[in-house]
Protein backbone atom coordinates (compact mmCIF):
# COMPACT_ATOMS: atom_id res chain seq x y z
CA MET A 1 23.17 40.52 4.30
CA GLN A 2 24.56 43.46 6.28
CA LEU A 3 23.82 43.59 10.01
CA SER A 4 21.61 46.68 9.66
CA GLU A 5 19.52 44.93 7.02
CA GLU A 6 19.24 41.76 9.09
CA LEU A 7 18.16 43.62 12.23
CA LYS A 8 15.43 45.41 10.29
CA TRP A 9 14.28 42.22 8.55
CA ARG A 10 14.01 40.43 11.88
CA GLY A 11 12.05 43.31 13.44
CA PHE A 12 14.71 44.37 15.94
CA TRP A 13 15.27 47.93 14.75
CA ASN A 14 13.20 50.51 16.64
CA GLN A 15 15.16 53.66 17.57
CA ALA A 16 18.83 54.49 17.21
CA THR A 17 21.08 57.51 17.60
CA PHE A 18 22.97 56.70 14.40
CA THR A 19 22.71 59.55 11.90
CA ASP A 20 23.29 56.92 9.23
CA ASP A 21 21.88 53.41 9.64
CA GLY A 22 24.88 52.10 7.74
CA ARG A 23 27.13 53.14 10.64
CA ILE A 24 26.25 49.86 12.30
CA ASP A 25 27.86 47.99 9.39
CA SER A 26 31.18 49.82 9.60
CA GLY A 27 33.76 49.30 12.31
CA ASN A 28 33.53 47.26 15.48
CA PHE A 29 31.27 47.89 18.45
CA THR A 30 31.65 46.98 22.06
CA LEU A 31 28.10 46.95 23.34
CA TYR A 32 26.19 46.24 26.48
CA LEU A 33 22.70 45.23 27.54
CA GLY A 34 21.59 45.54 31.15
CA THR A 35 18.82 43.85 33.11
CA ASP A 36 17.82 44.59 36.69
CA PRO A 37 17.14 41.66 39.05
CA SER A 38 13.55 42.74 39.74
CA ALA A 39 12.47 39.07 39.56
CA ASP A 40 14.25 35.74 39.80
CA SER A 41 13.66 34.97 36.14
CA LEU A 42 13.83 36.57 32.73
CA HIS A 43 10.76 36.29 30.50
CA VAL A 44 10.41 36.06 26.73
CA GLY A 45 10.21 39.84 26.44
CA HIS A 46 13.78 39.97 27.76
CA LEU A 47 14.77 37.09 25.52
CA ALA A 48 13.90 39.07 22.38
CA VAL A 49 16.47 41.77 23.18
CA TYR A 50 19.08 39.19 24.18
CA MET A 51 18.60 37.53 20.79
CA MET A 52 19.22 40.90 19.13
CA VAL A 53 22.52 41.08 21.00
CA ARG A 54 23.44 37.59 19.82
CA HIS A 55 23.36 38.82 16.23
CA PHE A 56 25.99 41.44 17.10
CA LEU A 57 28.05 38.77 18.83
CA GLU A 58 27.87 36.44 15.83
CA ARG A 59 29.25 39.27 13.67
CA GLY A 60 32.32 39.64 15.87
CA HIS A 61 31.29 42.57 18.07
CA LYS A 62 32.22 42.44 21.76
CA VAL A 63 29.37 42.05 24.25
CA PHE A 64 28.97 42.96 27.91
CA LEU A 65 25.87 41.63 29.64
CA LEU A 66 25.10 43.56 32.80
CA VAL A 67 23.02 42.39 35.74
CA GLY A 68 21.93 45.45 37.68
CA GLY A 69 22.71 44.55 41.25
CA GLY A 70 23.21 48.26 41.98
CA THR A 71 20.37 49.81 39.99
CA GLY A 72 18.13 46.97 41.17
CA MET A 73 18.33 48.38 44.69
CA ILE A 74 16.27 51.32 43.43
CA GLY A 75 14.36 49.89 40.49
CA ASP A 76 13.54 51.51 37.18
CA MET A 77 10.57 53.85 37.23
CA ARG A 78 7.18 52.47 36.24
CA ASP A 79 4.71 54.62 34.33
CA THR A 80 1.98 53.93 36.90
CA GLU A 81 3.40 53.85 40.41
CA GLU A 82 6.61 53.41 42.36
CA ARG A 83 8.10 49.95 42.65
CA SER A 84 8.32 48.23 46.01
CA LEU A 85 11.94 47.95 47.06
CA LEU A 86 13.39 44.45 47.18
CA SER A 87 15.40 43.25 50.15
CA TYR A 88 19.14 42.75 49.77
CA ALA A 89 18.60 38.99 50.06
CA GLU A 90 15.99 39.04 47.28
CA ILE A 91 18.31 41.01 45.02
CA GLU A 92 21.16 38.56 45.59
CA HIS A 93 18.89 35.59 44.90
CA ASN A 94 17.53 37.18 41.73
CA LYS A 95 21.03 38.09 40.52
CA ARG A 96 22.19 34.48 40.77
CA ALA A 97 19.15 33.28 38.84
CA LEU A 98 19.52 35.87 36.07
CA LYS A 99 23.23 35.23 35.66
CA ALA A 100 22.56 31.51 35.20
CA GLN A 101 19.87 32.18 32.59
CA VAL A 102 21.98 34.65 30.66
CA SER A 103 24.86 32.17 30.65
CA GLN A 104 22.54 29.52 29.17
CA ILE A 105 21.27 31.85 26.40
CA PHE A 106 24.87 32.67 25.42
CA ALA A 107 26.34 29.22 26.14
CA GLY A 108 29.56 28.51 24.29
CA ARG A 109 30.02 32.13 23.22
CA ASP A 110 32.54 34.74 24.29
CA PHE A 111 30.96 37.53 26.33
CA ALA A 112 31.55 39.38 29.60
CA LEU A 113 29.06 39.20 32.46
CA VAL A 114 29.24 42.17 34.85
CA ASP A 115 27.32 43.50 37.85
CA ASN A 116 26.96 47.25 38.31
CA ALA A 117 26.91 46.81 42.09
CA ASP A 118 30.68 46.43 41.74
CA TRP A 119 31.06 50.12 40.90
CA LEU A 120 27.79 51.78 41.95
CA GLY A 121 28.19 50.31 45.42
CA ASN A 122 31.39 52.32 45.91
CA LEU A 123 30.02 55.71 44.84
CA GLU A 124 30.15 58.60 47.29
CA LEU A 125 27.21 60.99 47.22
CA LEU A 126 28.95 64.37 47.00
CA PRO A 127 31.44 63.41 44.27
CA PHE A 128 28.58 61.77 42.33
CA LEU A 129 26.42 64.90 42.49
CA ARG A 130 29.37 67.13 41.59
CA ASP A 131 30.87 65.04 38.78
CA ILE A 132 27.76 63.35 37.36
CA GLY A 133 24.67 65.20 38.53
CA LYS A 134 25.84 68.55 37.18
CA ASN A 135 25.73 67.12 33.64
CA PHE A 136 21.96 66.55 33.73
CA ASN A 137 19.42 69.32 33.18
CA MET A 138 16.29 68.97 35.32
CA ALA A 139 14.03 70.58 32.72
CA ASP A 140 15.21 68.12 30.08
CA LEU A 141 14.67 65.13 32.35
CA ILE A 142 11.20 66.18 33.48
CA GLY A 143 10.26 66.72 29.86
CA ARG A 144 10.93 63.08 29.04
CA GLU A 145 7.78 61.11 28.37
CA PHE A 146 8.15 58.57 31.18
CA PHE A 147 8.76 61.28 33.81
CA LYS A 148 6.02 63.50 32.44
CA ALA A 149 3.46 60.68 32.48
CA ARG A 150 3.98 60.04 36.20
CA ILE A 151 3.72 63.73 37.05
CA ASP A 152 0.67 64.27 34.84
CA ASN A 153 -1.26 61.36 36.37
CA GLY A 154 -0.76 62.80 39.83
CA LYS A 155 1.41 59.95 41.11
CA GLY A 156 4.59 61.99 41.32
CA LEU A 157 7.94 60.28 41.72
CA SER A 158 10.52 59.85 44.43
CA PHE A 159 14.04 61.25 44.31
CA ALA A 160 15.34 57.66 44.23
CA GLU A 161 13.34 56.94 41.06
CA PHE A 162 14.45 60.21 39.55
CA THR A 163 18.13 59.37 40.03
CA TYR A 164 17.78 55.95 38.35
CA THR A 165 18.42 57.41 34.91
CA LEU A 166 21.60 59.07 36.22
CA LEU A 167 22.84 55.73 37.53
CA GLN A 168 22.17 54.01 34.21
CA GLY A 169 23.98 56.84 32.46
CA TYR A 170 26.87 56.30 34.87
CA ASP A 171 26.93 52.60 33.94
CA PHE A 172 27.43 53.48 30.28
CA TRP A 173 30.16 56.00 31.16
CA HIS A 174 31.92 53.50 33.45
CA LEU A 175 31.88 50.78 30.80
CA PHE A 176 33.06 53.27 28.17
CA LYS A 177 35.98 54.40 30.36
CA HIS A 178 37.09 50.95 31.48
CA HIS A 179 36.13 48.68 28.57
CA GLY A 180 35.59 50.90 25.55
CA VAL A 181 31.84 50.20 25.38
CA ASN A 182 30.37 52.48 22.71
CA LEU A 183 26.85 51.10 22.16
CA GLN A 184 24.02 50.39 24.58
CA ILE A 185 21.06 48.25 23.56
CA GLY A 186 17.71 47.98 25.33
CA GLY A 187 13.96 47.72 24.95
CA SER A 188 12.08 50.74 23.64
CA ASP A 189 10.87 51.59 27.16
CA GLN A 190 14.53 52.25 28.06
CA TRP A 191 15.15 54.89 25.39
CA GLY A 192 15.34 57.82 27.82
CA ASN A 193 17.74 55.97 30.11
CA LEU A 194 19.95 55.04 27.17
CA LEU A 195 20.11 58.69 26.10
CA SER A 196 21.33 59.63 29.59
CA GLY A 197 24.50 57.63 29.00
CA VAL A 198 25.01 58.99 25.49
CA GLU A 199 24.73 62.57 26.75
CA LEU A 200 26.89 62.01 29.82
CA ILE A 201 29.74 60.57 27.75
CA ARG A 202 29.45 63.37 25.22
CA LYS A 203 29.71 66.01 27.95
CA LYS A 204 32.40 64.38 30.09
CA GLU A 205 34.54 62.78 27.40
CA ASN A 206 33.65 64.71 24.25
CA ALA A 207 33.11 61.30 22.64
CA GLU A 208 30.37 59.93 20.45
CA VAL A 209 28.67 56.73 21.56
CA TYR A 210 25.40 55.22 20.47
CA ALA A 211 22.10 53.86 21.73
CA MET A 212 19.70 51.49 20.04
CA THR A 213 16.38 49.95 21.07
CA ALA A 214 14.26 47.01 19.98
CA PRO A 215 10.47 47.43 19.89
CA LEU A 216 8.41 46.02 22.72
CA LEU A 217 7.04 42.69 21.59
CA ILE A 218 3.28 42.16 21.56
CA ASN A 219 1.74 38.78 22.33
CA LYS A 220 -0.94 38.60 19.63
CA SER A 221 -3.01 36.09 21.60
CA THR A 222 -3.49 38.65 24.39
CA GLY A 223 -2.83 41.95 22.63
CA ARG A 224 -0.40 42.88 25.43
CA LYS A 225 3.35 43.19 25.59
CA PHE A 226 5.36 40.26 26.87
CA GLY A 227 6.28 41.02 30.46
CA LYS A 228 5.90 39.93 34.05
CA SER A 229 3.35 42.65 34.90
CA GLU A 230 1.01 41.80 32.04
CA GLY A 231 -0.27 38.47 33.37
CA GLY A 232 0.36 35.11 31.76
CA ALA A 233 4.08 35.76 31.49
CA VAL A 234 6.20 33.10 29.80
CA TRP A 235 9.24 32.76 32.06
CA LEU A 236 12.62 31.25 31.30
CA ASP A 237 12.86 29.66 34.76
CA GLU A 238 11.33 26.19 34.57
CA ASN A 239 9.98 26.56 38.12
CA LYS A 240 7.79 29.42 36.88
CA THR A 241 7.03 28.11 33.39
CA SER A 242 7.83 24.41 33.03
CA VAL A 243 9.89 23.28 30.05
CA TYR A 244 6.80 21.47 28.76
CA LYS A 245 4.60 24.58 28.98
CA PHE A 246 7.39 26.70 27.49
CA TYR A 247 7.62 24.34 24.51
CA GLN A 248 3.84 24.21 24.17
CA PHE A 249 3.60 28.01 24.15
CA TRP A 250 5.64 28.20 20.96
CA LEU A 251 3.94 25.14 19.49
CA ASN A 252 0.54 26.80 19.82
CA VAL A 253 1.18 30.26 18.37
CA ASP A 254 -0.77 31.23 15.25
CA ASP A 255 0.71 30.86 11.76
CA GLU A 256 1.63 34.53 11.31
CA SER A 257 3.28 34.75 14.71
CA ALA A 258 5.25 31.54 14.12
CA ILE A 259 7.20 33.13 11.27
CA GLU A 260 7.53 36.49 13.02
CA TYR A 261 8.81 34.84 16.21
CA MET A 262 11.19 32.64 14.23
CA LYS A 263 12.92 35.78 13.00
CA ILE A 264 13.17 37.18 16.52
CA PHE A 265 13.77 34.20 18.78
CA THR A 266 15.95 31.89 16.66
CA MET A 267 19.30 32.17 14.92
CA LEU A 268 18.02 30.47 11.76
CA ASP A 269 19.12 32.39 8.68
CA ARG A 270 16.82 34.19 6.25
CA ASP A 271 16.88 31.52 3.54
CA THR A 272 15.98 28.81 6.05
CA ILE A 273 13.13 30.80 7.59
CA GLU A 274 11.69 31.72 4.20
CA ALA A 275 11.84 28.07 3.09
CA ILE A 276 10.05 27.02 6.29
CA ALA A 277 7.38 29.67 5.65
CA GLU A 278 6.83 28.38 2.10
CA ASN A 279 6.53 24.77 3.23
CA HIS A 280 4.19 25.76 6.04
CA ALA A 281 1.90 27.64 3.63
CA VAL A 282 1.43 24.46 1.58
CA ASN A 283 0.13 22.50 4.59
CA PRO A 284 -0.62 24.76 7.58
CA GLY A 285 -2.34 21.91 9.40
CA ALA A 286 0.97 20.14 9.87
CA ARG A 287 2.16 23.13 11.94
CA SER A 288 5.70 22.61 10.68
CA ALA A 289 6.68 26.23 11.39
CA GLN A 290 5.48 26.01 14.99
CA LYS A 291 7.39 22.77 15.52
CA VAL A 292 10.64 24.32 14.29
CA LEU A 293 10.04 27.42 16.41
CA ALA A 294 9.35 25.41 19.57
CA ARG A 295 12.43 23.26 18.99
CA GLU A 296 14.82 26.14 18.34
CA VAL A 297 13.72 28.41 21.20
CA THR A 298 13.55 25.59 23.75
CA ASP A 299 17.07 24.50 22.76
CA ILE A 300 18.37 28.02 23.42
CA VAL A 301 16.68 28.46 26.80
CA HIS A 302 16.66 24.93 28.26
CA GLY A 303 19.07 22.89 26.15
CA VAL A 304 18.67 20.06 23.66
CA ASN A 305 18.21 17.26 26.22
CA ARG A 306 15.29 18.95 27.98
CA ARG A 307 13.66 19.78 24.67
CA GLU A 308 13.95 16.21 23.40
CA SER A 309 12.35 14.94 26.62
CA VAL A 310 9.42 17.32 26.17
CA GLU A 311 9.03 16.22 22.55
CA ARG A 312 8.83 12.57 23.60
CA VAL A 313 6.20 13.41 26.21
CA THR A 314 4.23 15.46 23.69
CA GLU A 315 4.33 12.60 21.19
CA VAL A 316 2.96 10.20 23.81
CA LEU A 317 0.15 12.55 24.84
CA PHE A 318 -0.95 13.77 21.44
CA GLY A 319 0.81 11.77 18.73
CA GLY A 320 0.16 8.17 19.62
CA GLY A 321 3.65 7.50 20.97
CA ASP A 322 4.35 4.51 23.22
CA PHE A 323 4.20 5.50 26.90
CA ARG A 324 6.42 2.56 27.82
CA GLN A 325 9.33 4.06 25.88
CA LEU A 326 9.55 7.11 28.16
CA SER A 327 12.69 7.44 30.30
CA ASP A 328 12.69 8.28 34.00
CA ASP A 329 13.49 11.90 33.12
CA ASP A 330 10.56 11.92 30.69
CA LEU A 331 8.28 10.61 33.43
CA ASP A 332 9.48 13.37 35.75
CA THR A 333 8.57 15.88 33.04
CA LEU A 334 5.16 14.28 32.57
CA ALA A 335 4.44 14.12 36.31
CA LYS A 336 4.72 17.92 36.55
CA GLU A 337 2.01 18.42 33.93
CA ILE A 338 -0.78 15.93 34.65
CA PRO A 339 -2.41 14.38 37.75
CA ARG A 340 -0.64 11.36 39.25
CA VAL A 341 -2.02 8.43 41.24
CA ASP A 342 -0.20 5.48 42.77
CA VAL A 343 0.39 2.17 41.06
CA GLY A 344 -2.04 -0.47 42.33
CA VAL A 345 -5.27 1.53 42.16
CA GLY A 346 -8.17 0.53 39.96
CA VAL A 347 -9.17 2.43 36.84
CA ILE A 348 -12.36 3.84 38.38
CA GLU A 349 -10.55 4.93 41.54
CA ALA A 350 -7.80 6.58 39.49
CA LEU A 351 -10.36 8.55 37.48
CA VAL A 352 -12.16 9.76 40.60
CA VAL A 353 -9.11 10.49 42.78
CA SER A 354 -7.42 12.44 39.98
CA GLY A 355 -10.50 14.60 39.47
CA ALA A 356 -11.02 13.41 35.89
CA VAL A 357 -14.58 12.38 36.81
CA SER A 358 -16.88 13.35 39.65
CA SER A 359 -18.21 9.90 40.60
CA ASN A 360 -17.80 6.16 40.24
CA GLY A 361 -20.97 6.10 38.15
CA GLU A 362 -19.57 8.58 35.65
CA ALA A 363 -16.39 6.52 35.40
CA ARG A 364 -18.38 3.34 34.67
CA ARG A 365 -20.42 5.09 31.97
CA LEU A 366 -17.24 6.36 30.29
CA LEU A 367 -15.72 2.87 30.39
CA LYS A 368 -18.79 1.39 28.72
CA SER A 369 -18.76 4.09 26.03
CA GLY A 370 -15.12 3.39 25.14
CA ALA A 371 -13.88 6.81 26.27
CA ILE A 372 -11.17 5.42 28.59
CA SER A 373 -7.85 3.95 27.45
CA LEU A 374 -4.76 2.63 29.21
CA ASN A 375 -1.44 2.91 27.37
CA GLY A 376 -3.37 3.32 24.12
CA GLU A 377 -5.68 0.33 24.69
CA ARG A 378 -9.41 1.02 25.09
CA LEU A 379 -10.93 -0.35 28.29
CA ALA A 380 -14.47 -1.60 28.83
CA ASP A 381 -14.36 -2.41 32.55
CA ASP A 382 -12.55 -1.67 35.79
CA ARG A 383 -9.22 -3.32 36.57
CA ALA A 384 -6.20 -2.82 38.80
CA ILE A 385 -3.30 -0.88 37.32
CA ASN A 386 -0.18 -2.63 38.60
CA ASN A 387 2.47 -1.02 36.41
CA GLN A 388 3.44 2.51 35.48
CA SER A 389 0.84 3.54 32.93
CA LEU A 390 -0.88 6.41 31.20
CA LEU A 391 -4.63 6.56 31.70
CA LYS A 392 -6.58 8.69 29.24
CA LYS A 393 -10.13 10.06 29.23
CA GLY A 394 -11.38 11.33 25.90
CA LYS A 395 -8.83 13.22 23.82
CA ASN A 396 -7.09 15.57 26.24
CA THR A 397 -7.41 14.33 29.84
CA PHE A 398 -4.47 12.26 31.12
CA ILE A 399 -3.53 10.61 34.41
CA LEU A 400 -0.10 9.23 35.22
CA VAL A 401 -0.15 6.02 37.24
CA ALA A 402 3.29 5.69 38.78
CA GLU A 403 5.39 4.97 41.82
CA ASN A 404 6.38 7.96 43.92
CA MET A 405 8.40 10.30 41.72
CA GLU A 406 11.75 11.82 42.71
CA GLY A 407 11.36 14.34 45.52
CA GLU A 408 7.90 13.16 46.62
CA GLU A 409 7.12 11.95 50.10
């Protein structure tokens, strides 16, 4: 399957400046994708576009991944209101976090990681306006949809925001001049900024370069795009979205989304995905597609070891697995997801202290009804819990009984 066909089949192809879609299948590209450090973590909306880039990389194209330490000092324009500027310290912190996440997504692969602060930070104003600014027509820029929307809604825009698209165009030109970059990839909301680079290179160098966008991805459970401003963002940083919750997000998507997301967020080939879809259709209740999806995406973002730990914890909580077989790392994972009480407490006290029940009387009634179990064994009366254990109320309420975990006082 040609790259153009694969990108369309996976749902990556949105807009492109190619006059012929087949152009992407001929010759070699050196491409780049940029992300500003507006937060200290990428989210799954970013991940979709990074996965698109991985398909180019797997086909032998050269890849530059840019972290926008320079453009991040201004911030890309929002369609509603101006961004609050981040401090220099925040930008540096966010850059380090993003670089680590990008390196994990592309682990073991040959790519270049660059920071546009290295060249934008050395620009002088007058030469920039003379050599770069003169290539942009104000009427054309104001006519772009994302500028026009801000002006029409009465919010206006600052000069700093207005110059952002010039800086992104400069990035493309700089990478073209110094590294031969001839294709920029981004999300569909970046189309105007991508065109700035294409036009700048055409005017300054009389050269043809290309731009291509992936569609913004919609979370079907919310009807909103994946992103940090939409609420309920799924982050790649485990301190924002734990590895367990990340895995569970993919495990709980609906059947249609499971196959769609498998095309976007995994490197599984077409034959494999279509076979998984066929098997899933025979027995949807087994959720085989969701299990493959959760495994593959978690491996990419957090690594195999973390994913296997989460799977063991999930099996103990919901699959009847033996709690006593969990490793210390597994217990650390579990302790971040459910209430914990100290070894030595009684069952009733553990239920009350953890918030699983509101009173001792409620705990006793649940014990008598057989709704409480300890390490898979149903309990009928109160007792001391003297070893690390998993206490369970009903089907979905769990309490970890353990010694102080790593990092606790």
